Amino acid sequence: MTHVKKEHYQVFHQPPTVTEFCALRKQAGWGETCPEMARQSLQNSLYSVCIRQSQKLLAMGRVVGDGAMYFYIQDVIVDPVYQGQGLGHEIMLNIEQYLQTAANKGATIGLMAAQGKTGFYLRYGYIERPSATLGSGMCRFA
């Protein structure tokens, strides 16, 4: 693990490049991503945030959805070399700040946590499914 201090990185409210996005997803163990699909996906995001040290991308996150009723937190990724230093928390603070202004009362904010990461999101008020009132979340991959 390489240590990075808060005063040594910068937060940018913009998406990473397609090349950076594909590389960070691969480093996180999420496999190969088609660059054209990545380009369209990043372009259609409602909000993106990146943390950089100099020009190097250390972490990112984004929000996708319809911008009215549904918002989904997506691709919260920290380079494995820099995990455990609060960068994911910094990403989520920026996402939550965006959502405070973008999501009106009654909107749904969702996410799909990676295996073993549920506890991370509980800190921000997200609840696990199933619960007493909600069924299991589901997904399908094309």
C-alpha atoms as a PDB file:
ATOM      1  CA  MET A   1       0.000   0.000   0.000  1.00  0.00           C
ATOM      2  CA  THR A   2       1.253   3.464  -0.933  1.00  0.00           C
ATOM      3  CA  HIS A   3       0.294   6.151   1.573  1.00  0.00           C
ATOM      4  CA  VAL A   4      -1.289   9.378   0.349  1.00  0.00           C
ATOM      5  CA  LYS A   5      -2.101  12.381   2.543  1.00  0.00           C
ATOM      6  CA  LYS A   6      -5.207  14.491   1.949  1.00  0.00           C
ATOM      7  CA  GLU A   7      -3.134  17.572   1.230  1.00  0.00           C
ATOM      8  CA  HIS A   8      -1.382  15.643  -1.570  1.00  0.00           C
ATOM      9  CA  TYR A   9      -4.444  14.866  -3.670  1.00  0.00           C
ATOM     10  CA  GLN A  10      -7.157  16.859  -5.413  1.00  0.00           C
ATOM     11  CA  VAL A  11     -10.850  16.191  -5.963  1.00  0.00           C
ATOM     12  CA  PHE A  12     -12.245  16.850  -9.439  1.00  0.00           C
ATOM     13  CA  HIS A  13     -15.949  16.875 -10.289  1.00  0.00           C
ATOM     14  CA  GLN A  14     -15.488  15.336 -13.696  1.00  0.00           C
ATOM     15  CA  PRO A  15     -15.226  11.835 -15.139  1.00  0.00           C
ATOM     16  CA  PRO A  16     -11.951  10.048 -15.709  1.00  0.00           C
ATOM     17  CA  THR A  17     -10.771   9.408 -19.243  1.00  0.00           C
ATOM     18  CA  VAL A  18     -12.051   6.251 -20.905  1.00  0.00           C
ATOM     19  CA  THR A  19      -8.579   4.708 -20.681  1.00  0.00           C
ATOM     20  CA  GLU A  20      -8.308   5.501 -16.951  1.00  0.00           C
ATOM     21  CA  PHE A  21     -11.819   4.194 -16.281  1.00  0.00           C
ATOM     22  CA  CYS A  22     -11.169   0.887 -18.038  1.00  0.00           C
ATOM     23  CA  ALA A  23      -7.812   0.479 -16.287  1.00  0.00           C
ATOM     24  CA  LEU A  24      -9.196   1.256 -12.803  1.00  0.00           C
ATOM     25  CA  ARG A  25     -12.073  -1.203 -13.272  1.00  0.00           C
ATOM     26  CA  LYS A  26      -9.554  -3.870 -14.307  1.00  0.00           C
ATOM     27  CA  GLN A  27      -7.295  -3.093 -11.312  1.00  0.00           C
ATOM     28  CA  ALA A  28     -10.326  -3.493  -9.037  1.00  0.00           C
ATOM     29  CA  GLY A  29     -10.870  -6.980 -10.444  1.00  0.00           C
ATOM     30  CA  TRP A  30     -13.958  -6.086 -12.466  1.00  0.00           C
ATOM     31  CA  GLY A  31     -12.536  -7.382 -15.751  1.00  0.00           C
ATOM     32  CA  GLU A  32     -12.156  -5.860 -19.191  1.00  0.00           C
ATOM     33  CA  THR A  33     -14.473  -3.036 -20.271  1.00  0.00           C
ATOM     34  CA  CYS A  34     -15.227  -2.211 -23.888  1.00  0.00           C
ATOM     35  CA  PRO A  35     -13.846   1.319 -24.456  1.00  0.00           C
ATOM     36  CA  GLU A  36     -16.814   2.451 -26.577  1.00  0.00           C
ATOM     37  CA  MET A  37     -19.295   1.223 -23.974  1.00  0.00           C
ATOM     38  CA  ALA A  38     -17.221   2.966 -21.283  1.00  0.00           C
ATOM     39  CA  ARG A  39     -17.196   6.217 -23.273  1.00  0.00           C
ATOM     40  CA  GLN A  40     -20.982   6.230 -23.646  1.00  0.00           C
ATOM     41  CA  SER A  41     -21.495   5.274 -20.018  1.00  0.00           C
ATOM     42  CA  LEU A  42     -19.226   8.017 -18.680  1.00  0.00           C
ATOM     43  CA  GLN A  43     -20.802  10.556 -21.023  1.00  0.00           C
ATOM     44  CA  ASN A  44     -24.293   9.680 -19.748  1.00  0.00           C
ATOM     45  CA  SER A  45     -23.434   9.976 -16.052  1.00  0.00           C
ATOM     46  CA  LEU A  46     -25.347  12.496 -13.983  1.00  0.00           C
ATOM     47  CA  TYR A  47     -22.321  13.232 -11.794  1.00  0.00           C
ATOM     48  CA  SER A  48     -18.706  12.087 -11.607  1.00  0.00           C
ATOM     49  CA  VAL A  49     -15.961  12.634  -9.073  1.00  0.00           C
ATOM     50  CA  CYS A  50     -12.278  11.702  -9.273  1.00  0.00           C
ATOM     51  CA  ILE A  51      -9.390  11.908  -6.845  1.00  0.00           C
ATOM     52  CA  ARG A  52      -5.979  12.503  -8.374  1.00  0.00           C
ATOM     53  CA  GLN A  53      -2.473  12.850  -7.074  1.00  0.00           C
ATOM     54  CA  SER A  54      -0.650  14.926  -9.676  1.00  0.00           C
ATOM     55  CA  GLN A  55      -2.223  13.471 -12.829  1.00  0.00           C
ATOM     56  CA  LYS A  56      -2.647   9.904 -11.499  1.00  0.00           C
ATOM     57  CA  LEU A  57      -6.203   8.692 -10.940  1.00  0.00           C
ATOM     58  CA  LEU A  58      -6.456   7.191  -7.429  1.00  0.00           C
ATOM     59  CA  ALA A  59     -10.218   6.851  -7.010  1.00  0.00           C
ATOM     60  CA  MET A  60     -13.522   7.643  -8.658  1.00  0.00           C
ATOM     61  CA  GLY A  61     -17.270   7.374  -8.308  1.00  0.00           C
ATOM     62  CA  ARG A  62     -20.312   8.436 -10.240  1.00  0.00           C
ATOM     63  CA  VAL A  63     -24.076   8.714 -10.172  1.00  0.00           C
ATOM     64  CA  VAL A  64     -26.288   7.451 -12.985  1.00  0.00           C
ATOM     65  CA  GLY A  65     -30.058   7.472 -13.395  1.00  0.00           C
ATOM     66  CA  ASP A  66     -32.867   9.630 -14.699  1.00  0.00           C
ATOM     67  CA  GLY A  67     -31.977  12.697 -12.619  1.00  0.00           C
ATOM     68  CA  ALA A  68     -35.451  12.938 -11.106  1.00  0.00           C
ATOM     69  CA  MET A  69     -36.860   9.845  -9.400  1.00  0.00           C
ATOM     70  CA  TYR A  70     -33.947   7.421  -9.595  1.00  0.00           C
ATOM     71  CA  PHE A  71     -30.275   7.851  -8.800  1.00  0.00           C
ATOM     72  CA  TYR A  72     -27.776   4.996  -8.650  1.00  0.00           C
ATOM     73  CA  ILE A  73     -24.319   5.217  -7.176  1.00  0.00           C
ATOM     74  CA  GLN A  74     -21.988   3.414  -9.528  1.00  0.00           C
ATOM     75  CA  ASP A  75     -18.306   2.623  -9.946  1.00  0.00           C
ATOM     76  CA  VAL A  76     -17.018   3.721  -6.552  1.00  0.00           C
ATOM     77  CA  ILE A  77     -13.499   2.434  -7.118  1.00  0.00           C
ATOM     78  CA  VAL A  78     -10.251   3.036  -5.271  1.00  0.00           C
ATOM     79  CA  ASP A  79      -6.996   1.840  -6.814  1.00  0.00           C
ATOM     80  CA  PRO A  80      -6.104  -1.231  -4.685  1.00  0.00           C
ATOM     81  CA  VAL A  81      -2.700   0.319  -3.921  1.00  0.00           C
ATOM     82  CA  TYR A  82      -4.441   3.236  -2.173  1.00  0.00           C
ATOM     83  CA  GLN A  83      -7.322   1.460  -0.419  1.00  0.00           C
ATOM     84  CA  GLY A  84      -7.850   1.865   3.313  1.00  0.00           C
ATOM     85  CA  GLN A  85      -6.803   5.530   3.418  1.00  0.00           C
ATOM     86  CA  GLY A  86     -10.173   7.268   3.295  1.00  0.00           C
ATOM     87  CA  LEU A  87     -10.332   7.893  -0.452  1.00  0.00           C
ATOM     88  CA  GLY A  88     -13.563   5.920  -0.797  1.00  0.00           C
ATOM     89  CA  HIS A  89     -15.015   7.996   2.042  1.00  0.00           C
ATOM     90  CA  GLU A  90     -13.972  11.188   0.248  1.00  0.00           C
ATOM     91  CA  ILE A  91     -15.651   9.953  -2.943  1.00  0.00           C
ATOM     92  CA  MET A  92     -18.859   9.161  -1.043  1.00  0.00           C
ATOM     93  CA  LEU A  93     -18.869  12.550   0.716  1.00  0.00           C
ATOM     94  CA  ASN A  94     -18.772  14.252  -2.682  1.00  0.00           C
ATOM     95  CA  ILE A  95     -21.479  11.976  -4.074  1.00  0.00           C
ATOM     96  CA  GLU A  96     -23.687  12.583  -1.033  1.00  0.00           C
ATOM     97  CA  GLN A  97     -23.197  16.342  -1.395  1.00  0.00           C
ATOM     98  CA  TYR A  98     -24.313  16.123  -5.035  1.00  0.00           C
ATOM     99  CA  LEU A  99     -27.340  14.003  -4.077  1.00  0.00           C
ATOM    100  CA  GLN A 100     -28.419  16.495  -1.394  1.00  0.00           C
ATOM    101  CA  THR A 101     -29.111  19.043  -4.112  1.00  0.00           C
ATOM    102  CA  ALA A 102     -30.065  16.765  -7.031  1.00  0.00           C
ATOM    103  CA  ALA A 103     -32.404  14.247  -5.394  1.00  0.00           C
ATOM    104  CA  ASN A 104     -35.699  15.679  -4.205  1.00  0.00           C
ATOM    105  CA  LYS A 105     -37.859  14.197  -1.457  1.00  0.00           C
ATOM    106  CA  GLY A 106     -39.369  10.932  -2.681  1.00  0.00           C
ATOM    107  CA  ALA A 107     -36.500  10.054  -5.028  1.00  0.00           C
ATOM    108  CA  THR A 108     -34.827   6.658  -4.737  1.00  0.00           C
ATOM    109  CA  ILE A 109     -31.058   6.412  -4.369  1.00  0.00           C
ATOM    110  CA  GLY A 110     -29.711   2.930  -4.919  1.00  0.00           C
ATOM    111  CA  LEU A 111     -26.471   1.041  -5.299  1.00  0.00           C
ATOM    112  CA  MET A 112     -25.134  -2.469  -5.639  1.00  0.00           C
ATOM    113  CA  ALA A 113     -22.279  -3.009  -3.221  1.00  0.00           C
ATOM    114  CA  ALA A 114     -19.382  -5.209  -4.259  1.00  0.00           C
ATOM    115  CA  GLN A 115     -18.894  -8.381  -2.238  1.00  0.00           C
ATOM    116  CA  GLY A 116     -17.736  -7.494   1.276  1.00  0.00           C
ATOM    117  CA  LYS A 117     -18.364  -3.753   0.902  1.00  0.00           C
ATOM    118  CA  THR A 118     -21.886  -3.508   2.375  1.00  0.00           C
ATOM    119  CA  GLY A 119     -20.604  -2.185   5.706  1.00  0.00           C
ATOM    120  CA  PHE A 120     -18.896   0.706   3.931  1.00  0.00           C
ATOM    121  CA  TYR A 121     -22.240   1.983   2.585  1.00  0.00           C
ATOM    122  CA  LEU A 122     -24.153   1.468   5.827  1.00  0.00           C
ATOM    123  CA  ARG A 123     -22.224   4.475   7.208  1.00  0.00           C
ATOM    124  CA  TYR A 124     -24.003   6.734   4.709  1.00  0.00           C
ATOM    125  CA  GLY A 125     -27.522   5.595   5.594  1.00  0.00           C
ATOM    126  CA  TYR A 126     -28.010   2.901   2.960  1.00  0.00           C
ATOM    127  CA  ILE A 127     -29.915  -0.181   4.076  1.00  0.00           C
ATOM    128  CA  GLU A 128     -29.383  -3.798   3.166  1.00  0.00           C
ATOM    129  CA  ARG A 129     -31.912  -5.746   1.157  1.00  0.00           C
ATOM    130  CA  PRO A 130     -33.817  -7.795   1.919  1.00  0.00           C
ATOM    131  CA  SER A 131     -35.204  -6.005   4.949  1.00  0.00           C
ATOM    132  CA  ALA A 132     -38.492  -6.035   6.825  1.00  0.00           C
ATOM    133  CA  THR A 133     -40.098  -3.927   4.077  1.00  0.00           C
ATOM    134  CA  LEU A 134     -37.945  -4.491   0.969  1.00  0.00           C
ATOM    135  CA  GLY A 135     -37.272  -7.614  -1.057  1.00  0.00           C
ATOM    136  CA  SER A 136     -33.899  -8.692  -2.417  1.00  0.00           C
ATOM    137  CA  GLY A 137     -32.248  -6.562  -5.050  1.00  0.00           C
ATOM    138  CA  MET A 138     -31.576  -8.235  -8.354  1.00  0.00           C
ATOM    139  CA  CYS A 139     -29.497  -7.716 -11.495  1.00  0.00           C
ATOM    140  CA  ARG A 140     -28.740  -9.391 -14.804  1.00  0.00           C
ATOM    141  CA  PHE A 141     -25.623  -9.102 -16.929  1.00  0.00           C
ATOM    142  CA  ALA A 142     -25.809  -8.951 -20.727  1.00  0.00           C
END
